[in-house]
């Protein structure tokens, strides 16, 4: 009886994990870690959004960042590139990230 209960518990956990993956569910702690990582990057004034999803056994992220509107295009690109690099190293199984840099609005 005890073995049956253990098998059912393992099966339940495995089925739940597979179902979540099928729905592209990402652990909220990973999204929070991504937001924290991006917000800590020099030049980033705010993180507008972070979206993550599973693609096979790897994670992909899309992020939108606010930066100072007086930043040059070249520097804005470098900030986005550095943020992408930091993100791919901070999040396990993250294989790609697309980071957009937007000029921060005066109210941000």
PDB file of N, CA and C in Angstrom:
ATOM      1  N   UNK A   1       0.826  -1.201   0.000  1.00  0.00           N
ATOM      2  CA  UNK A   1       0.000   0.000   0.000  1.00  0.00           C
ATOM      3  C   UNK A   1       0.865   1.257   0.000  1.00  0.00           C
ATOM      4  N   UNK A   2       1.916   1.259   0.808  1.00  0.00           N
ATOM      5  CA  UNK A   2       2.802   2.418   0.897  1.00  0.00           C
ATOM      6  C   UNK A   2       3.499   2.681  -0.433  1.00  0.00           C
ATOM      7  N   UNK A   3       3.881   1.631  -1.116  1.00  0.00           N
ATOM      8  CA  UNK A   3       4.527   1.784  -2.418  1.00  0.00           C
ATOM      9  C   UNK A   3       3.551   2.376  -3.433  1.00  0.00           C
ATOM     10  N   UNK A   4       2.311   1.961  -3.384  1.00  0.00           N
ATOM     11  CA  UNK A   4       1.286   2.489  -4.291  1.00  0.00           C
ATOM     12  C   UNK A   4       1.090   3.988  -4.073  1.00  0.00           C
ATOM     13  N   UNK A   5       1.047   4.419  -2.827  1.00  0.00           N
ATOM     14  CA  UNK A   5       0.891   5.837  -2.503  1.00  0.00           C
ATOM     15  C   UNK A   5       2.094   6.626  -3.018  1.00  0.00           C
ATOM     16  N   UNK A   6       3.289   6.096  -2.815  1.00  0.00           N
ATOM     17  CA  UNK A   6       4.501   6.768  -3.291  1.00  0.00           C
ATOM     18  C   UNK A   6       4.504   6.892  -4.810  1.00  0.00           C
ATOM     19  N   UNK A   7       4.115   5.834  -5.499  1.00  0.00           N
ATOM     20  CA  UNK A   7       4.055   5.855  -6.964  1.00  0.00           C
ATOM     21  C   UNK A   7       3.037   6.886  -7.439  1.00  0.00           C
ATOM     22  N   UNK A   8       1.875   6.916  -6.792  1.00  0.00           N
ATOM     23  CA  UNK A   8       0.849   7.892  -7.169  1.00  0.00           C
ATOM     24  C   UNK A   8       1.313   9.327  -6.923  1.00  0.00           C
ATOM     25  N   UNK A   9       2.050   9.557  -5.848  1.00  0.00           N
ATOM     26  CA  UNK A   9       2.560  10.899  -5.555  1.00  0.00           C
ATOM     27  C   UNK A   9       3.566  11.342  -6.618  1.00  0.00           C
ATOM     28  N   UNK A  10       4.451  10.449  -7.010  1.00  0.00           N
ATOM     29  CA  UNK A  10       5.435  10.760  -8.052  1.00  0.00           C
ATOM     30  C   UNK A  10       4.737  10.983  -9.389  1.00  0.00           C
ATOM     31  N   UNK A  11       3.771  10.144  -9.698  1.00  0.00           N
ATOM     32  CA  UNK A  11       3.018  10.276 -10.940  1.00  0.00           C
ATOM     33  C   UNK A  11       2.256  11.604 -10.981  1.00  0.00           C
ATOM     34  N   UNK A  12       1.662  11.990  -9.879  1.00  0.00           N
ATOM     35  CA  UNK A  12       0.927  13.257  -9.808  1.00  0.00           C
ATOM     36  C   UNK A  12       1.864  14.434 -10.073  1.00  0.00           C
ATOM     37  N   UNK A  13       3.018  14.436  -9.431  1.00  0.00           N
ATOM     38  CA  UNK A  13       3.990  15.518  -9.616  1.00  0.00           C
ATOM     39  C   UNK A  13       4.482  15.569 -11.060  1.00  0.00           C
ATOM     40  N   UNK A  14       4.779  14.426 -11.623  1.00  0.00           N
ATOM     41  CA  UNK A  14       5.259  14.377 -13.010  1.00  0.00           C
ATOM     42  C   UNK A  14       4.179  14.861 -13.972  1.00  0.00           C
ATOM     43  N   UNK A  15       2.944  14.417 -13.760  1.00  0.00           N
ATOM     44  CA  UNK A  15       1.848  14.838 -14.643  1.00  0.00           C
ATOM     45  C   UNK A  15       1.621  16.348 -14.538  1.00  0.00           C
ATOM     46  N   UNK A  16       1.688  16.891 -13.329  1.00  0.00           N
ATOM     47  CA  UNK A  16       1.518  18.332 -13.134  1.00  0.00           C
ATOM     48  C   UNK A  16       2.608  19.112 -13.867  1.00  0.00           C
ATOM     49  N   UNK A  17       3.857  18.667 -13.729  1.00  0.00           N
ATOM     50  CA  UNK A  17       4.971  19.353 -14.389  1.00  0.00           C
ATOM     51  C   UNK A  17       4.846  19.305 -15.910  1.00  0.00           C
ATOM     52  N   UNK A  18       4.463  18.155 -16.451  1.00  0.00           N
ATOM     53  CA  UNK A  18       4.296  18.020 -17.900  1.00  0.00           C
ATOM     54  C   UNK A  18       3.156  18.919 -18.374  1.00  0.00           C
ATOM     55  N   UNK A  19       2.051  18.941 -17.657  1.00  0.00           N
ATOM     56  CA  UNK A  19       0.912  19.779 -18.031  1.00  0.00           C
ATOM     57  C   UNK A  19       1.305  21.255 -18.020  1.00  0.00           C
ATOM     58  N   UNK A  20       2.034  21.681 -17.002  1.00  0.00           N
ATOM     59  CA  UNK A  20       2.481  23.083 -16.945  1.00  0.00           C
ATOM     60  C   UNK A  20       3.392  23.415 -18.120  1.00  0.00           C
ATOM     61  N   UNK A  21       4.280  22.517 -18.462  1.00  0.00           N
ATOM     62  CA  UNK A  21       5.174  22.756 -19.602  1.00  0.00           C
ATOM     63  C   UNK A  21       4.385  22.868 -20.894  1.00  0.00           C
ATOM     64  N   UNK A  22       3.355  22.039 -21.042  1.00  0.00           N
ATOM     65  CA  UNK A  22       2.526  22.109 -22.245  1.00  0.00           C
ATOM     66  C   UNK A  22       1.847  23.468 -22.367  1.00  0.00           C
ATOM     67  N   UNK A  23       1.577  24.097 -21.245  1.00  0.00           N
ATOM     68  CA  UNK A  23       0.953  25.420 -21.234  1.00  0.00           C
ATOM     69  C   UNK A  23       1.987  26.539 -21.140  1.00  0.00           C
ATOM     70  N   UNK A  24       3.264  26.216 -21.325  1.00  0.00           N
ATOM     71  CA  UNK A  24       4.363  27.173 -21.265  1.00  0.00           C
ATOM     72  C   UNK A  24       4.495  27.860 -19.911  1.00  0.00           C
ATOM     73  N   UNK A  25       4.064  27.215 -18.837  1.00  0.00           N
ATOM     74  CA  UNK A  25       4.135  27.817 -17.510  1.00  0.00           C
ATOM     75  C   UNK A  25       5.589  27.982 -17.073  1.00  0.00           C
ATOM     76  N   UNK A  26       5.870  29.155 -16.553  1.00  0.00           N
ATOM     77  CA  UNK A  26       7.200  29.473 -16.026  1.00  0.00           C
ATOM     78  C   UNK A  26       7.048  29.739 -14.534  1.00  0.00           C
ATOM     79  N   UNK A  27       7.969  29.240 -13.767  1.00  0.00           N
ATOM     80  CA  UNK A  27       7.970  29.488 -12.323  1.00  0.00           C
ATOM     81  C   UNK A  27       8.025  30.994 -12.078  1.00  0.00           C
ATOM     82  N   UNK A  28       7.099  31.556 -11.309  1.00  0.00           N
ATOM     83  CA  UNK A  28       7.114  32.998 -11.043  1.00  0.00           C
ATOM     84  C   UNK A  28       8.427  33.492 -10.430  1.00  0.00           C
ATOM     85  N   UNK A  29       9.132  32.627  -9.727  1.00  0.00           N
ATOM     86  CA  UNK A  29      10.425  33.019  -9.158  1.00  0.00           C
ATOM     87  C   UNK A  29      11.442  33.316 -10.257  1.00  0.00           C
ATOM     88  N   UNK A  30      11.359  32.600 -11.387  1.00  0.00           N
ATOM     89  CA  UNK A  30      12.264  32.874 -12.513  1.00  0.00           C
ATOM     90  C   UNK A  30      11.966  34.232 -13.140  1.00  0.00           C
ATOM     91  N   UNK A  31      10.688  34.564 -13.260  1.00  0.00           N
ATOM     92  CA  UNK A  31      10.311  35.868 -13.814  1.00  0.00           C
ATOM     93  C   UNK A  31      10.774  36.979 -12.877  1.00  0.00           C
ATOM     94  N   UNK A  32      10.587  36.782 -11.576  1.00  0.00           N
ATOM     95  CA  UNK A  32      11.041  37.772 -10.598  1.00  0.00           C
ATOM     96  C   UNK A  32      12.566  37.940 -10.646  1.00  0.00           C
ATOM     97  N   UNK A  33      13.283  36.834 -10.787  1.00  0.00           N
ATOM     98  CA  UNK A  33      14.743  36.905 -10.891  1.00  0.00           C
ATOM     99  C   UNK A  33      15.164  37.647 -12.154  1.00  0.00           C
ATOM    100  N   UNK A  34      14.442  37.426 -13.246  1.00  0.00           N
ATOM    101  CA  UNK A  34      14.739  38.131 -14.494  1.00  0.00           C
ATOM    102  C   UNK A  34      14.510  39.628 -14.330  1.00  0.00           C
ATOM    103  N   UNK A  35      13.403  40.003 -13.716  1.00  0.00           N
ATOM    104  CA  UNK A  35      13.110  41.429 -13.498  1.00  0.00           C
ATOM    105  C   UNK A  35      14.177  42.080 -12.621  1.00  0.00           C
ATOM    106  N   UNK A  36      14.580  41.391 -11.575  1.00  0.00           N
ATOM    107  CA  UNK A  36      15.617  41.910 -10.680  1.00  0.00           C
ATOM    108  C   UNK A  36      16.940  42.075 -11.410  1.00  0.00           C
ATOM    109  N   UNK A  37      17.302  41.089 -12.204  1.00  0.00           N
ATOM    110  CA  UNK A  37      18.550  41.141 -12.977  1.00  0.00           C
ATOM    111  C   UNK A  37      18.538  42.312 -13.946  1.00  0.00           C
ATOM    112  N   UNK A  38      17.437  42.479 -14.670  1.00  0.00           N
ATOM    113  CA  UNK A  38      17.347  43.565 -15.649  1.00  0.00           C
ATOM    114  C   UNK A  38      17.348  44.930 -14.978  1.00  0.00           C
ATOM    115  N   UNK A  39      16.633  45.068 -13.866  1.00  0.00           N
ATOM    116  CA  UNK A  39      16.557  46.353 -13.166  1.00  0.00           C
ATOM    117  C   UNK A  39      17.910  46.779 -12.611  1.00  0.00           C
ATOM    118  N   UNK A  40      18.768  45.816 -12.331  1.00  0.00           N
ATOM    119  CA  UNK A  40      20.087  46.125 -11.763  1.00  0.00           C
ATOM    120  C   UNK A  40      21.106  46.566 -12.813  1.00  0.00           C
ATOM    121  N   UNK A  41      20.766  46.427 -14.086  1.00  0.00           N
ATOM    122  CA  UNK A  41      21.712  46.794 -15.145  1.00  0.00           C
ATOM    123  C   UNK A  41      21.882  48.316 -15.232  1.00  0.00           C
ATOM    124  N   UNK A  42      23.124  48.789 -15.357  1.00  0.00           N
ATOM    125  CA  UNK A  42      23.364  50.224 -15.499  1.00  0.00           C
ATOM    126  C   UNK A  42      22.648  50.775 -16.731  1.00  0.00           C
ATOM    127  N   UNK A  43      21.971  51.892 -16.556  1.00  0.00           N
ATOM    128  CA  UNK A  43      21.272  52.534 -17.651  1.00  0.00           C
ATOM    129  C   UNK A  43      19.792  52.197 -17.718  1.00  0.00           C
ATOM    130  N   UNK A  44      19.369  51.153 -17.023  1.00  0.00           N
ATOM    131  CA  UNK A  44      17.960  50.762 -17.023  1.00  0.00           C
ATOM    132  C   UNK A  44      17.252  51.540 -15.917  1.00  0.00           C
ATOM    133  N   UNK A  45      16.232  52.325 -16.299  1.00  0.00           N
ATOM    134  CA  UNK A  45      15.479  53.076 -15.292  1.00  0.00           C
ATOM    135  C   UNK A  45      14.263  52.305 -14.796  1.00  0.00           C
ATOM    136  N   UNK A  46      13.732  51.404 -15.619  1.00  0.00           N
ATOM    137  CA  UNK A  46      12.585  50.586 -15.206  1.00  0.00           C
ATOM    138  C   UNK A  46      12.463  49.381 -16.133  1.00  0.00           C
ATOM    139  N   UNK A  47      11.836  48.350 -15.620  1.00  0.00           N
ATOM    140  CA  UNK A  47      11.523  47.169 -16.417  1.00  0.00           C
ATOM    141  C   UNK A  47      10.025  47.228 -16.712  1.00  0.00           C
ATOM    142  N   UNK A  48       9.683  47.403 -17.973  1.00  0.00           N
ATOM    143  CA  UNK A  48       8.260  47.473 -18.355  1.00  0.00           C
ATOM    144  C   UNK A  48       7.602  46.104 -18.257  1.00  0.00           C
ATOM    145  N   UNK A  49       8.243  45.113 -18.850  1.00  0.00           N
ATOM    146  CA  UNK A  49       7.657  43.771 -18.831  1.00  0.00           C
ATOM    147  C   UNK A  49       8.723  42.726 -19.102  1.00  0.00           C
ATOM    148  N   UNK A  50       8.446  41.549 -18.600  1.00  0.00           N
ATOM    149  CA  UNK A  50       9.266  40.371 -18.895  1.00  0.00           C
ATOM    150  C   UNK A  50       8.293  39.231 -19.169  1.00  0.00           C
ATOM    151  N   UNK A  51       8.442  38.609 -20.323  1.00  0.00           N
ATOM    152  CA  UNK A  51       7.626  37.451 -20.685  1.00  0.00           C
ATOM    153  C   UNK A  51       8.573  36.303 -20.978  1.00  0.00           C
ATOM    154  N   UNK A  52       8.283  35.153 -20.410  1.00  0.00           N
ATOM    155  CA  UNK A  52       9.134  33.992 -20.607  1.00  0.00           C
ATOM    156  C   UNK A  52       8.265  32.802 -20.989  1.00  0.00           C
ATOM    157  N   UNK A  53       8.831  31.910 -21.810  1.00  0.00           N
ATOM    158  CA  UNK A  53       8.108  30.703 -22.185  1.00  0.00           C
ATOM    159  C   UNK A  53       9.085  29.585 -22.499  1.00  0.00           C
ATOM    160  N   UNK A  54       8.612  28.384 -22.352  1.00  0.00           N
ATOM    161  CA  UNK A  54       9.392  27.209 -22.701  1.00  0.00           C
ATOM    162  C   UNK A  54       9.305  26.971 -24.200  1.00  0.00           C
ATOM    163  N   UNK A  55      10.426  26.667 -24.793  1.00  0.00           N
ATOM    164  CA  UNK A  55      10.489  26.195 -26.174  1.00  0.00           C
ATOM    165  C   UNK A  55      11.320  24.924 -26.115  1.00  0.00           C
ATOM    166  N   UNK A  56      10.636  23.808 -26.112  1.00  0.00           N
ATOM    167  CA  UNK A  56      11.325  22.532 -25.908  1.00  0.00           C
ATOM    168  C   UNK A  56      11.824  22.459 -24.477  1.00  0.00           C
ATOM    169  N   UNK A  57      13.120  22.235 -24.321  1.00  0.00           N
ATOM    170  CA  UNK A  57      13.716  22.138 -22.988  1.00  0.00           C
ATOM    171  C   UNK A  57      14.453  23.411 -22.603  1.00  0.00           C
ATOM    172  N   UNK A  58      14.249  24.465 -23.356  1.00  0.00           N
ATOM    173  CA  UNK A  58      14.927  25.740 -23.097  1.00  0.00           C
ATOM    174  C   UNK A  58      13.887  26.839 -22.893  1.00  0.00           C
ATOM    175  N   UNK A  59      14.322  27.935 -22.291  1.00  0.00           N
ATOM    176  CA  UNK A  59      13.438  29.073 -22.031  1.00  0.00           C
ATOM    177  C   UNK A  59      13.825  30.219 -22.956  1.00  0.00           C
ATOM    178  N   UNK A  60      12.819  30.942 -23.429  1.00  0.00           N
ATOM    179  CA  UNK A  60      13.020  32.172 -24.205  1.00  0.00           C
ATOM    180  C   UNK A  60      12.368  33.308 -23.433  1.00  0.00           C
ATOM    181  N   UNK A  61      12.983  34.484 -23.481  1.00  0.00           N
ATOM    182  CA  UNK A  61      12.439  35.651 -22.785  1.00  0.00           C
ATOM    183  C   UNK A  61      12.317  36.828 -23.738  1.00  0.00           C
ATOM    184  N   UNK A  62      11.290  37.637 -23.509  1.00  0.00           N
ATOM    185  CA  UNK A  62      11.124  38.930 -24.162  1.00  0.00           C
ATOM    186  C   UNK A  62      11.021  39.952 -23.049  1.00  0.00           C
ATOM    187  N   UNK A  63      11.802  41.007 -23.141  1.00  0.00           N
ATOM    188  CA  UNK A  63      11.792  42.027 -22.093  1.00  0.00           C
ATOM    189  C   UNK A  63      11.725  43.414 -22.711  1.00  0.00           C
ATOM    190  N   UNK A  64      11.058  44.314 -22.007  1.00  0.00           N
ATOM    191  CA  UNK A  64      10.970  45.711 -22.412  1.00  0.00           C
ATOM    192  C   UNK A  64      11.519  46.563 -21.273  1.00  0.00           C
ATOM    193  N   UNK A  65      12.489  47.400 -21.608  1.00  0.00           N
ATOM    194  CA  UNK A  65      13.162  48.224 -20.609  1.00  0.00           C
ATOM    195  C   UNK A  65      12.978  49.699 -20.915  1.00  0.00           C
ATOM    196  N   UNK A  66      12.902  50.509 -19.868  1.00  0.00           N
ATOM    197  CA  UNK A  66      12.930  51.962 -20.017  1.00  0.00           C
ATOM    198  C   UNK A  66      14.355  52.430 -19.735  1.00  0.00           C
ATOM    199  N   UNK A  67      14.818  53.340 -20.579  1.00  0.00           N
ATOM    200  CA  UNK A  67      16.126  53.952 -20.361  1.00  0.00           C
ATOM    201  C   UNK A  67      15.964  55.465 -20.485  1.00  0.00           C
ATOM    202  N   UNK A  68      16.956  56.183 -20.037  1.00  0.00           N
ATOM    203  CA  UNK A  68      16.918  57.643 -20.097  1.00  0.00           C
ATOM    204  C   UNK A  68      16.743  58.066 -21.551  1.00  0.00           C
ATOM    205  N   UNK A  69      15.761  58.952 -21.834  1.00  0.00           N
ATOM    206  CA  UNK A  69      15.504  59.343 -23.223  1.00  0.00           C
ATOM    207  C   UNK A  69      16.654  60.116 -23.871  1.00  0.00           C
ATOM    208  N   UNK A  70      17.559  60.643 -23.077  1.00  0.00           N
ATOM    209  CA  UNK A  70      18.686  61.372 -23.663  1.00  0.00           C
ATOM    210  C   UNK A  70      19.830  60.439 -24.071  1.00  0.00           C
ATOM    211  N   UNK A  71      19.668  59.139 -23.833  1.00  0.00           N
ATOM    212  CA  UNK A  71      20.693  58.161 -24.197  1.00  0.00           C
ATOM    213  C   UNK A  71      20.763  58.039 -25.718  1.00  0.00           C
ATOM    214  N   UNK A  72      21.975  57.999 -26.235  1.00  0.00           N
ATOM    215  CA  UNK A  72      22.137  57.859 -27.686  1.00  0.00           C
ATOM    216  C   UNK A  72      21.674  56.476 -28.134  1.00  0.00           C
ATOM    217  N   UNK A  73      21.385  56.352 -29.409  1.00  0.00           N
ATOM    218  CA  UNK A  73      20.951  55.075 -29.955  1.00  0.00           C
ATOM    219  C   UNK A  73      22.021  54.001 -29.746  1.00  0.00           C
ATOM    220  N   UNK A  74      23.266  54.382 -29.945  1.00  0.00           N
ATOM    221  CA  UNK A  74      24.366  53.435 -29.755  1.00  0.00           C
ATOM    222  C   UNK A  74      24.425  52.950 -28.309  1.00  0.00           C
ATOM    223  N   UNK A  75      24.295  53.871 -27.363  1.00  0.00           N
ATOM    224  CA  UNK A  75      24.339  53.478 -25.953  1.00  0.00           C
ATOM    225  C   UNK A  75      23.100  52.680 -25.553  1.00  0.00           C
ATOM    226  N   UNK A  76      21.945  53.038 -26.110  1.00  0.00           N
ATOM    227  CA  UNK A  76      20.719  52.297 -25.818  1.00  0.00           C
ATOM    228  C   UNK A  76      20.853  50.852 -26.298  1.00  0.00           C
ATOM    229  N   UNK A  77      21.438  50.690 -27.469  1.00  0.00           N
ATOM    230  CA  UNK A  77      21.656  49.342 -27.995  1.00  0.00           C
ATOM    231  C   UNK A  77      22.604  48.573 -27.077  1.00  0.00           C
ATOM    232  N   UNK A  78      23.651  49.220 -26.606  1.00  0.00           N
ATOM    233  CA  UNK A  78      24.616  48.558 -25.722  1.00  0.00           C
ATOM    234  C   UNK A  78      23.970  48.175 -24.387  1.00  0.00           C
ATOM    235  N   UNK A  79      23.115  49.039 -23.862  1.00  0.00           N
ATOM    236  CA  UNK A  79      22.411  48.730 -22.614  1.00  0.00           C
ATOM    237  C   UNK A  79      21.533  47.496 -22.805  1.00  0.00           C
ATOM    238  N   UNK A  80      20.792  47.457 -23.911  1.00  0.00           N
ATOM    239  CA  UNK A  80      19.935  46.301 -24.192  1.00  0.00           C
ATOM    240  C   UNK A  80      20.766  45.034 -24.364  1.00  0.00           C
ATOM    241  N   UNK A  81      21.883  45.145 -25.057  1.00  0.00           N
ATOM    242  CA  UNK A  81      22.762  43.989 -25.265  1.00  0.00           C
ATOM    243  C   UNK A  81      23.333  43.496 -23.937  1.00  0.00           C
ATOM    244  N   UNK A  82      23.790  44.416 -23.088  1.00  0.00           N
ATOM    245  CA  UNK A  82      24.341  44.023 -21.788  1.00  0.00           C
ATOM    246  C   UNK A  82      23.266  43.392 -20.901  1.00  0.00           C
ATOM    247  N   UNK A  83      22.047  43.924 -20.969  1.00  0.00           N
ATOM    248  CA  UNK A  83      20.947  43.366 -20.188  1.00  0.00           C
ATOM    249  C   UNK A  83      20.632  41.944 -20.655  1.00  0.00           C
ATOM    250  N   UNK A  84      20.630  41.738 -21.956  1.00  0.00           N
ATOM    251  CA  UNK A  84      20.400  40.395 -22.507  1.00  0.00           C
ATOM    252  C   UNK A  84      21.468  39.427 -22.025  1.00  0.00           C
ATOM    253  N   UNK A  85      22.705  39.859 -22.065  1.00  0.00           N
ATOM    254  CA  UNK A  85      23.815  39.021 -21.629  1.00  0.00           C
ATOM    255  C   UNK A  85      23.669  38.647 -20.144  1.00  0.00           C
ATOM    256  N   UNK A  86      23.368  39.639 -19.305  1.00  0.00           N
ATOM    257  CA  UNK A  86      23.198  39.382 -17.872  1.00  0.00           C
ATOM    258  C   UNK A  86      22.042  38.414 -17.634  1.00  0.00           C
ATOM    259  N   UNK A  87      20.976  38.589 -18.393  1.00  0.00           N
ATOM    260  CA  UNK A  87      19.794  37.737 -18.232  1.00  0.00           C
ATOM    261  C   UNK A  87      20.089  36.287 -18.593  1.00  0.00           C
ATOM    262  N   UNK A  88      20.799  36.067 -19.691  1.00  0.00           N
ATOM    263  CA  UNK A  88      21.090  34.690 -20.110  1.00  0.00           C
ATOM    264  C   UNK A  88      22.007  33.981 -19.114  1.00  0.00           C
ATOM    265  N   UNK A  89      22.780  34.733 -18.355  1.00  0.00           N
ATOM    266  CA  UNK A  89      23.641  34.114 -17.347  1.00  0.00           C
ATOM    267  C   UNK A  89      22.937  33.945 -16.003  1.00  0.00           C
ATOM    268  N   UNK A  90      21.896  34.744 -15.755  1.00  0.00           N
ATOM    269  CA  UNK A  90      21.219  34.703 -14.459  1.00  0.00           C
ATOM    270  C   UNK A  90      20.112  33.658 -14.388  1.00  0.00           C
ATOM    271  N   UNK A  91      19.525  33.307 -15.522  1.00  0.00           N
ATOM    272  CA  UNK A  91      18.362  32.414 -15.528  1.00  0.00           C
ATOM    273  C   UNK A  91      18.763  31.049 -16.086  1.00  0.00           C
ATOM    274  N   UNK A  92      18.624  29.999 -15.286  1.00  0.00           N
ATOM    275  CA  UNK A  92      18.958  28.656 -15.782  1.00  0.00           C
ATOM    276  C   UNK A  92      18.070  28.263 -16.965  1.00  0.00           C
ATOM    277  N   UNK A  93      18.647  27.609 -17.921  1.00  0.00           N
ATOM    278  CA  UNK A  93      17.964  27.093 -19.124  1.00  0.00           C
ATOM    279  C   UNK A  93      17.457  28.186 -20.056  1.00  0.00           C
ATOM    280  N   UNK A  94      17.842  29.440 -19.808  1.00  0.00           N
ATOM    281  CA  UNK A  94      17.468  30.515 -20.724  1.00  0.00           C
ATOM    282  C   UNK A  94      18.463  30.514 -21.876  1.00  0.00           C
ATOM    283  N   UNK A  95      17.970  30.221 -23.072  1.00  0.00           N
ATOM    284  CA  UNK A  95      18.868  30.128 -24.218  1.00  0.00           C
ATOM    285  C   UNK A  95      18.822  31.366 -25.097  1.00  0.00           C
ATOM    286  N   UNK A  96      17.726  32.123 -25.023  1.00  0.00           N
ATOM    287  CA  UNK A  96      17.646  33.327 -25.849  1.00  0.00           C
ATOM    288  C   UNK A  96      16.758  34.359 -25.174  1.00  0.00           C
ATOM    289  N   UNK A  97      17.075  35.614 -25.462  1.00  0.00           N
ATOM    290  CA  UNK A  97      16.280  36.714 -24.927  1.00  0.00           C
ATOM    291  C   UNK A  97      16.272  37.834 -25.951  1.00  0.00           C
ATOM    292  N   UNK A  98      15.135  38.441 -26.099  1.00  0.00           N
ATOM    293  CA  UNK A  98      14.987  39.597 -26.969  1.00  0.00           C
ATOM    294  C   UNK A  98      14.668  40.777 -26.059  1.00  0.00           C
ATOM    295  N   UNK A  99      15.557  41.766 -26.026  1.00  0.00           N
ATOM    296  CA  UNK A  99      15.410  42.896 -25.111  1.00  0.00           C
ATOM    297  C   UNK A  99      15.187  44.157 -25.911  1.00  0.00           C
ATOM    298  N   UNK A 100      14.091  44.843 -25.614  1.00  0.00           N
ATOM    299  CA  UNK A 100      13.751  46.102 -26.273  1.00  0.00           C
ATOM    300  C   UNK A 100      14.033  47.247 -25.306  1.00  0.00           C
ATOM    301  N   UNK A 101      14.647  48.294 -25.813  1.00  0.00           N
ATOM    302  CA  UNK A 101      14.909  49.487 -24.983  1.00  0.00           C
ATOM    303  C   UNK A 101      14.009  50.612 -25.470  1.00  0.00           C
ATOM    304  N   UNK A 102      13.268  51.206 -24.555  1.00  0.00           N
ATOM    305  CA  UNK A 102      12.368  52.322 -24.865  1.00  0.00           C
ATOM    306  C   UNK A 102      12.803  53.543 -24.079  1.00  0.00           C
ATOM    307  N   UNK A 103      12.593  54.727 -24.626  1.00  0.00           N
ATOM    308  CA  UNK A 103      12.886  55.923 -23.851  1.00  0.00           C
ATOM    309  C   UNK A 103      11.865  56.035 -22.714  1.00  0.00           C
ATOM    310  N   UNK A 104      12.345  56.273 -21.511  1.00  0.00           N
ATOM    311  CA  UNK A 104      11.462  56.408 -20.352  1.00  0.00           C
ATOM    312  C   UNK A 104      10.610  57.672 -20.522  1.00  0.00           C
ATOM    313  N   UNK A 105       9.346  57.564 -20.162  1.00  0.00           N
ATOM    314  CA  UNK A 105       8.488  58.743 -20.219  1.00  0.00           C
ATOM    315  C   UNK A 105       8.756  59.603 -18.993  1.00  0.00           C
ATOM    316  N   UNK A 106       8.427  60.879 -19.030  1.00  0.00           N
ATOM    317  CA  UNK A 106       8.703  61.758 -17.903  1.00  0.00           C
ATOM    318  C   UNK A 106       8.021  61.311 -16.600  1.00  0.00           C
ATOM    319  N   UNK A 107       6.946  60.544 -16.682  1.00  0.00           N
ATOM    320  CA  UNK A 107       6.236  60.097 -15.494  1.00  0.00           C
ATOM    321  C   UNK A 107       6.809  58.813 -14.925  1.00  0.00           C
ATOM    322  N   UNK A 108       7.774  58.193 -15.607  1.00  0.00           N
ATOM    323  CA  UNK A 108       8.338  56.908 -15.139  1.00  0.00           C
ATOM    324  C   UNK A 108       9.391  57.121 -14.119  1.00  0.00           C
TER     325      UNK A 108
END
